[in-house]
Amino acid sequence: MLHPGPDPAYSASMRLRHSPVLCTAAAAAVLSVACVTTPLPGVPVQDADAAAVQGCTWIADLEVNAMRDSGSPAADLQRVKELLLSEARARGATHLVVTERDLRFALALARGSAYRCG
């Protein structure tokens, strides 16, 4: 014997009954993520040391790589630092502690930790 399938009236009533709960939960999740990752308008990310971020909220450890194409090692290192600052800003950070900048073969590399202070 074949199963007749779900009762359409029951399925519709369950969708209507649970839709406000699902919508509220989805809206809360979206808003909480937006609050964490939204950059503060007009606030530049500051290059900081570990002492300056005491009491701040850690956001993420970051790493960026870029091709070495300027012909100047100093310019390549500065460029990856600026890319790292941009990545920190995109994640809502106010401060960045740069932990490493290095030149490796054809790549420039920068690593750091992003924080939100204040």
PDB file of N, CA and C in Angstrom:
ATOM      1  N   MET A   1       0.845  -1.181   0.000  1.00  0.00           N
ATOM      2  CA  MET A   1       0.000   0.000   0.000  1.00  0.00           C
ATOM      3  C   MET A   1       0.882   1.234   0.000  1.00  0.00           C
ATOM      4  N   LEU A   2       0.568   2.194  -0.816  1.00  0.00           N
ATOM      5  CA  LEU A   2       1.321   3.440  -0.893  1.00  0.00           C
ATOM      6  C   LEU A   2       0.890   4.396   0.196  1.00  0.00           C
ATOM      7  N   HIS A   3       1.860   5.119   0.734  1.00  0.00           N
ATOM      8  CA  HIS A   3       1.558   6.141   1.732  1.00  0.00           C
ATOM      9  C   HIS A   3       0.962   7.347   1.021  1.00  0.00           C
ATOM     10  N   PRO A   4      -0.161   7.879   1.509  1.00  0.00           N
ATOM     11  CA  PRO A   4      -0.820   8.969   0.807  1.00  0.00           C
ATOM     12  C   PRO A   4      -0.048  10.288   0.845  1.00  0.00           C
ATOM     13  N   GLY A   5       0.993  10.410   1.657  1.00  0.00           N
ATOM     14  CA  GLY A   5       1.761  11.659   1.740  1.00  0.00           C
ATOM     15  C   GLY A   5       1.228  12.551   2.847  1.00  0.00           C
ATOM     16  N   PRO A   6       1.879  13.654   3.060  1.00  0.00           N
ATOM     17  CA  PRO A   6       1.470  14.538   4.151  1.00  0.00           C
ATOM     18  C   PRO A   6       0.131  15.207   3.847  1.00  0.00           C
ATOM     19  N   ASP A   7      -0.591  15.470   4.916  1.00  0.00           N
ATOM     20  CA  ASP A   7      -1.867  16.173   4.792  1.00  0.00           C
ATOM     21  C   ASP A   7      -1.581  17.631   4.444  1.00  0.00           C
ATOM     22  N   PRO A   8      -2.030  18.148   3.291  1.00  0.00           N
ATOM     23  CA  PRO A   8      -1.741  19.520   2.896  1.00  0.00           C
ATOM     24  C   PRO A   8      -2.244  20.547   3.899  1.00  0.00           C
ATOM     25  N   ALA A   9      -3.367  20.293   4.526  1.00  0.00           N
ATOM     26  CA  ALA A   9      -3.896  21.244   5.506  1.00  0.00           C
ATOM     27  C   ALA A   9      -2.987  21.314   6.730  1.00  0.00           C
ATOM     28  N   TYR A  10      -2.489  20.145   7.174  1.00  0.00           N
ATOM     29  CA  TYR A  10      -1.592  20.108   8.327  1.00  0.00           C
ATOM     30  C   TYR A  10      -0.282  20.823   8.003  1.00  0.00           C
ATOM     31  N   SER A  11       0.294  20.561   6.832  1.00  0.00           N
ATOM     32  CA  SER A  11       1.552  21.191   6.436  1.00  0.00           C
ATOM     33  C   SER A  11       1.425  22.697   6.379  1.00  0.00           C
ATOM     34  N   ALA A  12       0.337  23.197   5.825  1.00  0.00           N
ATOM     35  CA  ALA A  12       0.128  24.647   5.730  1.00  0.00           C
ATOM     36  C   ALA A  12      -0.011  25.265   7.111  1.00  0.00           C
ATOM     37  N   SER A  13      -0.750  24.596   8.020  1.00  0.00           N
ATOM     38  CA  SER A  13      -0.923  25.174   9.361  1.00  0.00           C
ATOM     39  C   SER A  13       0.392  25.183  10.129  1.00  0.00           C
ATOM     40  N   MET A  14       1.250  24.168   9.947  1.00  0.00           N
ATOM     41  CA  MET A  14       2.546  24.129  10.619  1.00  0.00           C
ATOM     42  C   MET A  14       3.463  25.238  10.096  1.00  0.00           C
ATOM     43  N   ARG A  15       3.432  25.463   8.783  1.00  0.00           N
ATOM     44  CA  ARG A  15       4.261  26.537   8.218  1.00  0.00           C
ATOM     45  C   ARG A  15       3.841  27.875   8.782  1.00  0.00           C
ATOM     46  N   LEU A  16       2.529  28.109   8.858  1.00  0.00           N
ATOM     47  CA  LEU A  16       2.042  29.387   9.382  1.00  0.00           C
ATOM     48  C   LEU A  16       2.348  29.532  10.859  1.00  0.00           C
ATOM     49  N   ARG A  17       2.259  28.450  11.608  1.00  0.00           N
ATOM     50  CA  ARG A  17       2.490  28.509  13.041  1.00  0.00           C
ATOM     51  C   ARG A  17       3.970  28.772  13.350  1.00  0.00           C
ATOM     52  N   HIS A  18       4.887  28.188  12.586  1.00  0.00           N
ATOM     53  CA  HIS A  18       6.311  28.313  12.875  1.00  0.00           C
ATOM     54  C   HIS A  18       6.995  29.451  12.132  1.00  0.00           C
ATOM     55  N   SER A  19       6.361  30.051  11.155  1.00  0.00           N
ATOM     56  CA  SER A  19       7.042  31.088  10.380  1.00  0.00           C
ATOM     57  C   SER A  19       7.431  32.312  11.210  1.00  0.00           C
ATOM     58  N   PRO A  20       6.629  32.810  12.175  1.00  0.00           N
ATOM     59  CA  PRO A  20       7.101  33.952  12.972  1.00  0.00           C
ATOM     60  C   PRO A  20       8.341  33.610  13.800  1.00  0.00           C
ATOM     61  N   VAL A  21       8.394  32.398  14.325  1.00  0.00           N
ATOM     62  CA  VAL A  21       9.554  31.973  15.116  1.00  0.00           C
ATOM     63  C   VAL A  21      10.796  31.911  14.233  1.00  0.00           C
ATOM     64  N   LEU A  22      10.662  31.306  13.052  1.00  0.00           N
ATOM     65  CA  LEU A  22      11.794  31.202  12.145  1.00  0.00           C
ATOM     66  C   LEU A  22      12.242  32.569  11.660  1.00  0.00           C
ATOM     67  N   CYS A  23      11.296  33.439  11.345  1.00  0.00           N
ATOM     68  CA  CYS A  23      11.649  34.783  10.886  1.00  0.00           C
ATOM     69  C   CYS A  23      12.369  35.564  11.978  1.00  0.00           C
ATOM     70  N   THR A  24      11.894  35.459  13.207  1.00  0.00           N
ATOM     71  CA  THR A  24      12.532  36.167  14.321  1.00  0.00           C
ATOM     72  C   THR A  24      13.934  35.636  14.552  1.00  0.00           C
ATOM     73  N   ALA A  25      14.095  34.327  14.525  1.00  0.00           N
ATOM     74  CA  ALA A  25      15.423  33.729  14.728  1.00  0.00           C
ATOM     75  C   ALA A  25      16.372  34.131  13.607  1.00  0.00           C
ATOM     76  N   ALA A  26      15.892  34.109  12.373  1.00  0.00           N
ATOM     77  CA  ALA A  26      16.738  34.488  11.243  1.00  0.00           C
ATOM     78  C   ALA A  26      17.139  35.956  11.322  1.00  0.00           C
ATOM     79  N   ALA A  27      16.200  36.812  11.678  1.00  0.00           N
ATOM     80  CA  ALA A  27      16.500  38.243  11.792  1.00  0.00           C
ATOM     81  C   ALA A  27      17.518  38.497  12.900  1.00  0.00           C
ATOM     82  N   ALA A  28      17.386  37.817  14.025  1.00  0.00           N
ATOM     83  CA  ALA A  28      18.336  37.994  15.125  1.00  0.00           C
ATOM     84  C   ALA A  28      19.731  37.544  14.714  1.00  0.00           C
ATOM     85  N   ALA A  29      19.825  36.444  13.986  1.00  0.00           N
ATOM     86  CA  ALA A  29      21.131  35.953  13.534  1.00  0.00           C
ATOM     87  C   ALA A  29      21.785  36.933  12.577  1.00  0.00           C
ATOM     88  N   VAL A  30      21.019  37.459  11.645  1.00  0.00           N
ATOM     89  CA  VAL A  30      21.566  38.413  10.677  1.00  0.00           C
ATOM     90  C   VAL A  30      22.018  39.683  11.379  1.00  0.00           C
ATOM     91  N   LEU A  31      21.217  40.193  12.303  1.00  0.00           N
ATOM     92  CA  LEU A  31      21.589  41.425  12.995  1.00  0.00           C
ATOM     93  C   LEU A  31      22.809  41.238  13.887  1.00  0.00           C
ATOM     94  N   SER A  32      22.923  40.086  14.538  1.00  0.00           N
ATOM     95  CA  SER A  32      24.089  39.874  15.396  1.00  0.00           C
ATOM     96  C   SER A  32      25.367  39.793  14.574  1.00  0.00           C
ATOM     97  N   VAL A  33      25.328  39.172  13.416  1.00  0.00           N
ATOM     98  CA  VAL A  33      26.503  39.109  12.551  1.00  0.00           C
ATOM     99  C   VAL A  33      26.832  40.492  12.023  1.00  0.00           C
ATOM    100  N   ALA A  34      25.818  41.257  11.640  1.00  0.00           N
ATOM    101  CA  ALA A  34      26.037  42.602  11.111  1.00  0.00           C
ATOM    102  C   ALA A  34      26.688  43.492  12.163  1.00  0.00           C
ATOM    103  N   CYS A  35      26.301  43.347  13.419  1.00  0.00           N
ATOM    104  CA  CYS A  35      26.876  44.173  14.476  1.00  0.00           C
ATOM    105  C   CYS A  35      28.347  43.844  14.699  1.00  0.00           C
ATOM    106  N   VAL A  36      28.720  42.601  14.539  1.00  0.00           N
ATOM    107  CA  VAL A  36      30.097  42.194  14.773  1.00  0.00           C
ATOM    108  C   VAL A  36      31.007  42.609  13.622  1.00  0.00           C
ATOM    109  N   THR A  37      30.511  42.551  12.394  1.00  0.00           N
ATOM    110  CA  THR A  37      31.396  42.734  11.258  1.00  0.00           C
ATOM    111  C   THR A  37      31.294  44.096  10.581  1.00  0.00           C
ATOM    112  N   THR A  38      30.407  44.956  11.021  1.00  0.00           N
ATOM    113  CA  THR A  38      30.247  46.250  10.364  1.00  0.00           C
ATOM    114  C   THR A  38      31.367  47.193  10.780  1.00  0.00           C
ATOM    115  N   PRO A  39      32.131  47.713   9.823  1.00  0.00           N
ATOM    116  CA  PRO A  39      33.167  48.683  10.170  1.00  0.00           C
ATOM    117  C   PRO A  39      32.544  49.958  10.729  1.00  0.00           C
ATOM    118  N   LEU A  40      33.225  50.555  11.667  1.00  0.00           N
ATOM    119  CA  LEU A  40      32.750  51.821  12.218  1.00  0.00           C
ATOM    120  C   LEU A  40      33.026  52.924  11.207  1.00  0.00           C
ATOM    121  N   PRO A  41      32.007  53.696  10.834  1.00  0.00           N
ATOM    122  CA  PRO A  41      32.206  54.724   9.817  1.00  0.00           C
ATOM    123  C   PRO A  41      33.173  55.808  10.284  1.00  0.00           C
ATOM    124  N   GLY A  42      34.110  56.149   9.416  1.00  0.00           N
ATOM    125  CA  GLY A  42      35.043  57.234   9.703  1.00  0.00           C
ATOM    126  C   GLY A  42      36.126  56.910  10.707  1.00  0.00           C
ATOM    127  N   VAL A  43      36.212  55.668  11.164  1.00  0.00           N
ATOM    128  CA  VAL A  43      37.224  55.295  12.148  1.00  0.00           C
ATOM    129  C   VAL A  43      38.288  54.462  11.447  1.00  0.00           C
ATOM    130  N   PRO A  44      39.495  55.003  11.269  1.00  0.00           N
ATOM    131  CA  PRO A  44      40.549  54.219  10.627  1.00  0.00           C
ATOM    132  C   PRO A  44      41.097  53.155  11.584  1.00  0.00           C
ATOM    133  N   VAL A  45      41.599  52.092  11.020  1.00  0.00           N
ATOM    134  CA  VAL A  45      42.232  51.056  11.832  1.00  0.00           C
ATOM    135  C   VAL A  45      43.627  51.549  12.210  1.00  0.00           C
ATOM    136  N   GLN A  46      43.927  51.483  13.493  1.00  0.00           N
ATOM    137  CA  GLN A  46      45.225  51.937  13.981  1.00  0.00           C
ATOM    138  C   GLN A  46      46.194  50.763  14.078  1.00  0.00           C
ATOM    139  N   ASP A  47      47.409  50.998  13.631  1.00  0.00           N
ATOM    140  CA  ASP A  47      48.488  50.036  13.816  1.00  0.00           C
ATOM    141  C   ASP A  47      48.898  50.148  15.285  1.00  0.00           C
ATOM    142  N   ALA A  48      48.855  49.044  16.017  1.00  0.00           N
ATOM    143  CA  ALA A  48      49.078  49.096  17.456  1.00  0.00           C
ATOM    144  C   ALA A  48      50.030  48.001  17.898  1.00  0.00           C
ATOM    145  N   ASP A  49      50.471  48.104  19.148  1.00  0.00           N
ATOM    146  CA  ASP A  49      51.259  47.026  19.748  1.00  0.00           C
ATOM    147  C   ASP A  49      50.369  46.284  20.747  1.00  0.00           C
ATOM    148  N   ALA A  50      50.890  45.203  21.295  1.00  0.00           N
ATOM    149  CA  ALA A  50      50.093  44.349  22.182  1.00  0.00           C
ATOM    150  C   ALA A  50      49.594  45.107  23.412  1.00  0.00           C
ATOM    151  N   ALA A  51      50.382  46.031  23.944  1.00  0.00           N
ATOM    152  CA  ALA A  51      49.971  46.780  25.131  1.00  0.00           C
ATOM    153  C   ALA A  51      48.770  47.684  24.841  1.00  0.00           C
ATOM    154  N   ALA A  52      48.676  48.194  23.622  1.00  0.00           N
ATOM    155  CA  ALA A  52      47.600  49.123  23.268  1.00  0.00           C
ATOM    156  C   ALA A  52      46.244  48.437  23.145  1.00  0.00           C
ATOM    157  N   VAL A  53      46.227  47.122  22.992  1.00  0.00           N
ATOM    158  CA  VAL A  53      44.954  46.418  22.812  1.00  0.00           C
ATOM    159  C   VAL A  53      44.526  45.634  24.050  1.00  0.00           C
ATOM    160  N   GLN A  54      45.173  45.885  25.184  1.00  0.00           N
ATOM    161  CA  GLN A  54      44.749  45.260  26.435  1.00  0.00           C
ATOM    162  C   GLN A  54      43.327  45.710  26.747  1.00  0.00           C
ATOM    163  N   GLY A  55      42.439  44.782  27.014  1.00  0.00           N
ATOM    164  CA  GLY A  55      41.055  45.116  27.322  1.00  0.00           C
ATOM    165  C   GLY A  55      40.174  45.278  26.091  1.00  0.00           C
ATOM    166  N   CYS A  56      40.736  45.110  24.918  1.00  0.00           N
ATOM    167  CA  CYS A  56      39.958  45.207  23.674  1.00  0.00           C
ATOM    168  C   CYS A  56      39.402  43.828  23.309  1.00  0.00           C
ATOM    169  N   THR A  57      38.466  43.814  22.395  1.00  0.00           N
ATOM    170  CA  THR A  57      37.861  42.568  21.937  1.00  0.00           C
ATOM    171  C   THR A  57      38.604  42.047  20.711  1.00  0.00           C
ATOM    172  N   TRP A  58      39.120  40.816  20.826  1.00  0.00           N
ATOM    173  CA  TRP A  58      39.808  40.196  19.690  1.00  0.00           C
ATOM    174  C   TRP A  58      38.768  39.839  18.645  1.00  0.00           C
ATOM    175  N   ILE A  59      39.055  40.128  17.372  1.00  0.00           N
ATOM    176  CA  ILE A  59      38.135  39.802  16.282  1.00  0.00           C
ATOM    177  C   ILE A  59      38.633  38.601  15.497  1.00  0.00           C
ATOM    178  N   ALA A  60      39.883  38.684  15.009  1.00  0.00           N
ATOM    179  CA  ALA A  60      40.390  37.578  14.196  1.00  0.00           C
ATOM    180  C   ALA A  60      41.886  37.713  13.989  1.00  0.00           C
ATOM    181  N   ASP A  61      42.540  36.566  13.749  1.00  0.00           N
ATOM    182  CA  ASP A  61      43.912  36.564  13.252  1.00  0.00           C
ATOM    183  C   ASP A  61      43.818  36.613  11.733  1.00  0.00           C
ATOM    184  N   LEU A  62      44.610  37.472  11.122  1.00  0.00           N
ATOM    185  CA  LEU A  62      44.521  37.709   9.688  1.00  0.00           C
ATOM    186  C   LEU A  62      45.844  37.407   9.002  1.00  0.00           C
ATOM    187  N   GLU A  63      45.760  37.069   7.734  1.00  0.00           N
ATOM    188  CA  GLU A  63      46.952  36.864   6.908  1.00  0.00           C
ATOM    189  C   GLU A  63      46.633  37.295   5.491  1.00  0.00           C
ATOM    190  N   VAL A  64      47.548  38.040   4.886  1.00  0.00           N
ATOM    191  CA  VAL A  64      47.400  38.410   3.475  1.00  0.00           C
ATOM    192  C   VAL A  64      48.705  38.111   2.745  1.00  0.00           C
ATOM    193  N   ASN A  65      48.575  37.752   1.484  1.00  0.00           N
ATOM    194  CA  ASN A  65      49.710  37.515   0.594  1.00  0.00           C
ATOM    195  C   ASN A  65      49.493  38.338  -0.661  1.00  0.00           C
ATOM    196  N   ALA A  66      50.572  38.816  -1.239  1.00  0.00           N
ATOM    197  CA  ALA A  66      50.490  39.531  -2.510  1.00  0.00           C
ATOM    198  C   ALA A  66      51.761  39.261  -3.296  1.00  0.00           C
ATOM    199  N   MET A  67      51.622  39.287  -4.596  1.00  0.00           N
ATOM    200  CA  MET A  67      52.790  39.104  -5.455  1.00  0.00           C
ATOM    201  C   MET A  67      53.747  40.276  -5.277  1.00  0.00           C
ATOM    202  N   ARG A  68      55.018  39.978  -5.269  1.00  0.00           N
ATOM    203  CA  ARG A  68      56.049  41.024  -5.224  1.00  0.00           C
ATOM    204  C   ARG A  68      56.220  41.546  -6.642  1.00  0.00           C
ATOM    205  N   ASP A  69      55.703  42.740  -6.881  1.00  0.00           N
ATOM    206  CA  ASP A  69      55.773  43.258  -8.243  1.00  0.00           C
ATOM    207  C   ASP A  69      56.213  44.714  -8.333  1.00  0.00           C
ATOM    208  N   SER A  70      56.574  45.314  -7.215  1.00  0.00           N
ATOM    209  CA  SER A  70      56.941  46.730  -7.271  1.00  0.00           C
ATOM    210  C   SER A  70      58.416  46.936  -7.596  1.00  0.00           C
ATOM    211  N   GLY A  71      59.233  45.908  -7.393  1.00  0.00           N
ATOM    212  CA  GLY A  71      60.670  46.065  -7.583  1.00  0.00           C
ATOM    213  C   GLY A  71      61.377  46.585  -6.348  1.00  0.00           C
ATOM    214  N   SER A  72      60.594  46.965  -5.332  1.00  0.00           N
ATOM    215  CA  SER A  72      61.159  47.480  -4.083  1.00  0.00           C
ATOM    216  C   SER A  72      60.651  46.635  -2.920  1.00  0.00           C
ATOM    217  N   PRO A  73      61.541  45.966  -2.181  1.00  0.00           N
ATOM    218  CA  PRO A  73      61.098  45.170  -1.033  1.00  0.00           C
ATOM    219  C   PRO A  73      60.321  46.005  -0.007  1.00  0.00           C
ATOM    220  N   ALA A  74      60.776  47.217   0.249  1.00  0.00           N
ATOM    221  CA  ALA A  74      60.085  48.070   1.223  1.00  0.00           C
ATOM    222  C   ALA A  74      58.663  48.396   0.756  1.00  0.00           C
ATOM    223  N   ALA A  75      58.501  48.671  -0.535  1.00  0.00           N
ATOM    224  CA  ALA A  75      57.169  48.982  -1.071  1.00  0.00           C
ATOM    225  C   ALA A  75      56.260  47.763  -1.011  1.00  0.00           C
ATOM    226  N   ASP A  76      56.800  46.575  -1.287  1.00  0.00           N
ATOM    227  CA  ASP A  76      56.006  45.344  -1.212  1.00  0.00           C
ATOM    228  C   ASP A  76      55.546  45.083   0.221  1.00  0.00           C
ATOM    229  N   LEU A  77      56.440  45.281   1.189  1.00  0.00           N
ATOM    230  CA  LEU A  77      56.067  45.086   2.591  1.00  0.00           C
ATOM    231  C   LEU A  77      55.022  46.098   3.037  1.00  0.00           C
ATOM    232  N   GLN A  78      55.147  47.338   2.594  1.00  0.00           N
ATOM    233  CA  GLN A  78      54.162  48.362   2.935  1.00  0.00           C
ATOM    234  C   GLN A  78      52.801  48.023   2.324  1.00  0.00           C
ATOM    235  N   ARG A  79      52.804  47.526   1.109  1.00  0.00           N
ATOM    236  CA  ARG A  79      51.545  47.181   0.436  1.00  0.00           C
ATOM    237  C   ARG A  79      50.804  46.071   1.166  1.00  0.00           C
ATOM    238  N   VAL A  80      51.518  45.015   1.607  1.00  0.00           N
ATOM    239  CA  VAL A  80      50.812  43.944   2.323  1.00  0.00           C
ATOM    240  C   VAL A  80      50.341  44.414   3.695  1.00  0.00           C
ATOM    241  N   LYS A  81      51.066  45.343   4.301  1.00  0.00           N
ATOM    242  CA  LYS A  81      50.589  45.910   5.574  1.00  0.00           C
ATOM    243  C   LYS A  81      49.290  46.677   5.345  1.00  0.00           C
ATOM    244  N   GLU A  82      49.217  47.452   4.274  1.00  0.00           N
ATOM    245  CA  GLU A  82      47.992  48.189   3.964  1.00  0.00           C
ATOM    246  C   GLU A  82      46.844  47.243   3.633  1.00  0.00           C
ATOM    247  N   LEU A  83      47.129  46.140   2.943  1.00  0.00           N
ATOM    248  CA  LEU A  83      46.100  45.133   2.679  1.00  0.00           C
ATOM    249  C   LEU A  83      45.594  44.505   3.976  1.00  0.00           C
ATOM    250  N   LEU A  84      46.505  44.279   4.907  1.00  0.00           N
ATOM    251  CA  LEU A  84      46.134  43.721   6.212  1.00  0.00           C
ATOM    252  C   LEU A  84      45.248  44.707   6.977  1.00  0.00           C
ATOM    253  N   LEU A  85      45.592  45.996   6.935  1.00  0.00           N
ATOM    254  CA  LEU A  85      44.768  47.019   7.588  1.00  0.00           C
ATOM    255  C   LEU A  85      43.371  47.070   6.954  1.00  0.00           C
ATOM    256  N   SER A  86      43.307  46.948   5.649  1.00  0.00           N
ATOM    257  CA  SER A  86      42.011  46.953   4.953  1.00  0.00           C
ATOM    258  C   SER A  86      41.167  45.750   5.358  1.00  0.00           C
ATOM    259  N   GLU A  87      41.794  44.593   5.467  1.00  0.00           N
ATOM    260  CA  GLU A  87      41.078  43.391   5.885  1.00  0.00           C
ATOM    261  C   GLU A  87      40.556  43.540   7.309  1.00  0.00           C
ATOM    262  N   ALA A  88      41.367  44.125   8.184  1.00  0.00           N
ATOM    263  CA  ALA A  88      40.932  44.359   9.569  1.00  0.00           C
ATOM    264  C   ALA A  88      39.737  45.306   9.597  1.00  0.00           C
ATOM    265  N   ARG A  89      39.793  46.361   8.804  1.00  0.00           N
ATOM    266  CA  ARG A  89      38.678  47.315   8.748  1.00  0.00           C
ATOM    267  C   ARG A  89      37.414  46.636   8.236  1.00  0.00           C
ATOM    268  N   ALA A  90      37.538  45.796   7.233  1.00  0.00           N
ATOM    269  CA  ALA A  90      36.375  45.094   6.683  1.00  0.00           C
ATOM    270  C   ALA A  90      35.713  44.200   7.727  1.00  0.00           C
ATOM    271  N   ARG A  91      36.477  43.762   8.703  1.00  0.00           N
ATOM    272  CA  ARG A  91      35.932  42.902   9.769  1.00  0.00           C
ATOM    273  C   ARG A  91      35.467  43.694  10.977  1.00  0.00           C
ATOM    274  N   GLY A  92      35.545  45.022  10.908  1.00  0.00           N
ATOM    275  CA  GLY A  92      35.043  45.848  11.999  1.00  0.00           C
ATOM    276  C   GLY A  92      36.065  46.174  13.070  1.00  0.00           C
ATOM    277  N   ALA A  93      37.344  45.999  12.786  1.00  0.00           N
ATOM    278  CA  ALA A  93      38.390  46.273  13.776  1.00  0.00           C
ATOM    279  C   ALA A  93      38.680  47.765  13.872  1.00  0.00           C
ATOM    280  N   THR A  94      39.178  48.160  15.032  1.00  0.00           N
ATOM    281  CA  THR A  94      39.678  49.524  15.220  1.00  0.00           C
ATOM    282  C   THR A  94      41.196  49.530  15.359  1.00  0.00           C
ATOM    283  N   HIS A  95      41.773  48.375  15.737  1.00  0.00           N
ATOM    284  CA  HIS A  95      43.212  48.259  15.950  1.00  0.00           C
ATOM    285  C   HIS A  95      43.733  46.962  15.319  1.00  0.00           C
ATOM    286  N   LEU A  96      44.973  47.021  14.884  1.00  0.00           N
ATOM    287  CA  LEU A  96      45.632  45.856  14.303  1.00  0.00           C
ATOM    288  C   LEU A  96      47.032  45.736  14.881  1.00  0.00           C
ATOM    289  N   VAL A  97      47.339  44.559  15.403  1.00  0.00           N
ATOM    290  CA  VAL A  97      48.687  44.257  15.861  1.00  0.00           C
ATOM    291  C   VAL A  97      49.338  43.403  14.775  1.00  0.00           C
ATOM    292  N   VAL A  98      50.297  43.982  14.057  1.00  0.00           N
ATOM    293  CA  VAL A  98      50.997  43.258  12.994  1.00  0.00           C
ATOM    294  C   VAL A  98      52.036  42.368  13.655  1.00  0.00           C
ATOM    295  N   THR A  99      51.957  41.072  13.383  1.00  0.00           N
ATOM    296  CA  THR A  99      52.876  40.124  14.025  1.00  0.00           C
ATOM    297  C   THR A  99      53.990  39.666  13.096  1.00  0.00           C
ATOM    298  N   GLU A 100      53.782  39.819  11.784  1.00  0.00           N
ATOM    299  CA  GLU A 100      54.817  39.374  10.839  1.00  0.00           C
ATOM    300  C   GLU A 100      54.632  40.065   9.495  1.00  0.00           C
ATOM    301  N   ARG A 101      55.744  40.483   8.921  1.00  0.00           N
ATOM    302  CA  ARG A 101      55.793  40.920   7.523  1.00  0.00           C
ATOM    303  C   ARG A 101      57.057  40.304   6.954  1.00  0.00           C
ATOM    304  N   ASP A 102      56.924  39.641   5.805  1.00  0.00           N
ATOM    305  CA  ASP A 102      58.060  38.903   5.280  1.00  0.00           C
ATOM    306  C   ASP A 102      57.985  38.835   3.761  1.00  0.00           C
ATOM    307  N   LEU A 103      59.140  38.676   3.154  1.00  0.00           N
ATOM    308  CA  LEU A 103      59.234  38.464   1.714  1.00  0.00           C
ATOM    309  C   LEU A 103      59.641  37.018   1.487  1.00  0.00           C
ATOM    310  N   ARG A 104      58.859  36.301   0.683  1.00  0.00           N
ATOM    311  CA  ARG A 104      59.135  34.894   0.410  1.00  0.00           C
ATOM    312  C   ARG A 104      59.053  34.655  -1.086  1.00  0.00           C
ATOM    313  N   PHE A 105      60.158  34.372  -1.668  1.00  0.00           N
ATOM    314  CA  PHE A 105      60.237  34.130  -3.106  1.00  0.00           C
ATOM    315  C   PHE A 105      59.517  35.250  -3.846  1.00  0.00           C
ATOM    316  N   ALA A 106      58.402  34.935  -4.495  1.00  0.00           N
ATOM    317  CA  ALA A 106      57.674  35.942  -5.267  1.00  0.00           C
ATOM    318  C   ALA A 106      56.509  36.558  -4.494  1.00  0.00           C
ATOM    319  N   LEU A 107      56.408  36.240  -3.187  1.00  0.00           N
ATOM    320  CA  LEU A 107      55.283  36.734  -2.388  1.00  0.00           C
ATOM    321  C   LEU A 107      55.742  37.641  -1.264  1.00  0.00           C
ATOM    322  N   ALA A 108      54.893  38.616  -0.952  1.00  0.00           N
ATOM    323  CA  ALA A 108      55.024  39.404   0.275  1.00  0.00           C
ATOM    324  C   ALA A 108      53.896  38.931   1.183  1.00  0.00           C
ATOM    325  N   LEU A 109      54.187  38.760   2.464  1.00  0.00           N
ATOM    326  CA  LEU A 109      53.255  38.186   3.422  1.00  0.00           C
ATOM    327  C   LEU A 109      53.136  39.116   4.619  1.00  0.00           C
ATOM    328  N   ALA A 110      51.923  39.232   5.159  1.00  0.00           N
ATOM    329  CA  ALA A 110      51.710  39.963   6.413  1.00  0.00           C
ATOM    330  C   ALA A 110      50.694  39.206   7.249  1.00  0.00           C
ATOM    331  N   ARG A 111      50.944  39.147   8.560  1.00  0.00           N
ATOM    332  CA  ARG A 111      50.035  38.518   9.514  1.00  0.00           C
ATOM    333  C   ARG A 111      49.820  39.464  10.677  1.00  0.00           C
ATOM    334  N   GLY A 112      48.638  39.357  11.268  1.00  0.00           N
ATOM    335  CA  GLY A 112      48.347  40.193  12.429  1.00  0.00           C
ATOM    336  C   GLY A 112      47.046  39.783  13.091  1.00  0.00           C
ATOM    337  N   SER A 113      46.742  40.455  14.198  1.00  0.00           N
ATOM    338  CA  SER A 113      45.518  40.202  14.953  1.00  0.00           C
ATOM    339  C   SER A 113      44.689  41.478  14.977  1.00  0.00           C
ATOM    340  N   ALA A 114      43.414  41.348  14.658  1.00  0.00           N
ATOM    341  CA  ALA A 114      42.505  42.485  14.612  1.00  0.00           C
ATOM    342  C   ALA A 114      41.722  42.567  15.928  1.00  0.00           C
ATOM    343  N   TYR A 115      41.527  43.793  16.426  1.00  0.00           N
ATOM    344  CA  TYR A 115      40.821  44.044  17.669  1.00  0.00           C
ATOM    345  C   TYR A 115      39.846  45.198  17.491  1.00  0.00           C
ATOM    346  N   ARG A 116      38.793  45.186  18.312  1.00  0.00           N
ATOM    347  CA  ARG A 116      37.878  46.323  18.410  1.00  0.00           C
ATOM    348  C   ARG A 116      38.029  46.896  19.815  1.00  0.00           C
ATOM    349  N   CYS A 117      38.410  48.159  19.865  1.00  0.00           N
ATOM    350  CA  CYS A 117      38.627  48.834  21.142  1.00  0.00           C
ATOM    351  C   CYS A 117      37.638  50.004  21.288  1.00  0.00           C
ATOM    352  N   GLY A 118      37.295  50.278  22.538  1.00  0.00           N
ATOM    353  CA  GLY A 118      36.459  51.459  22.803  1.00  0.00           C
ATOM    354  C   GLY A 118      35.032  51.285  22.738  1.00  0.00           C
TER     355      GLY A 118
END
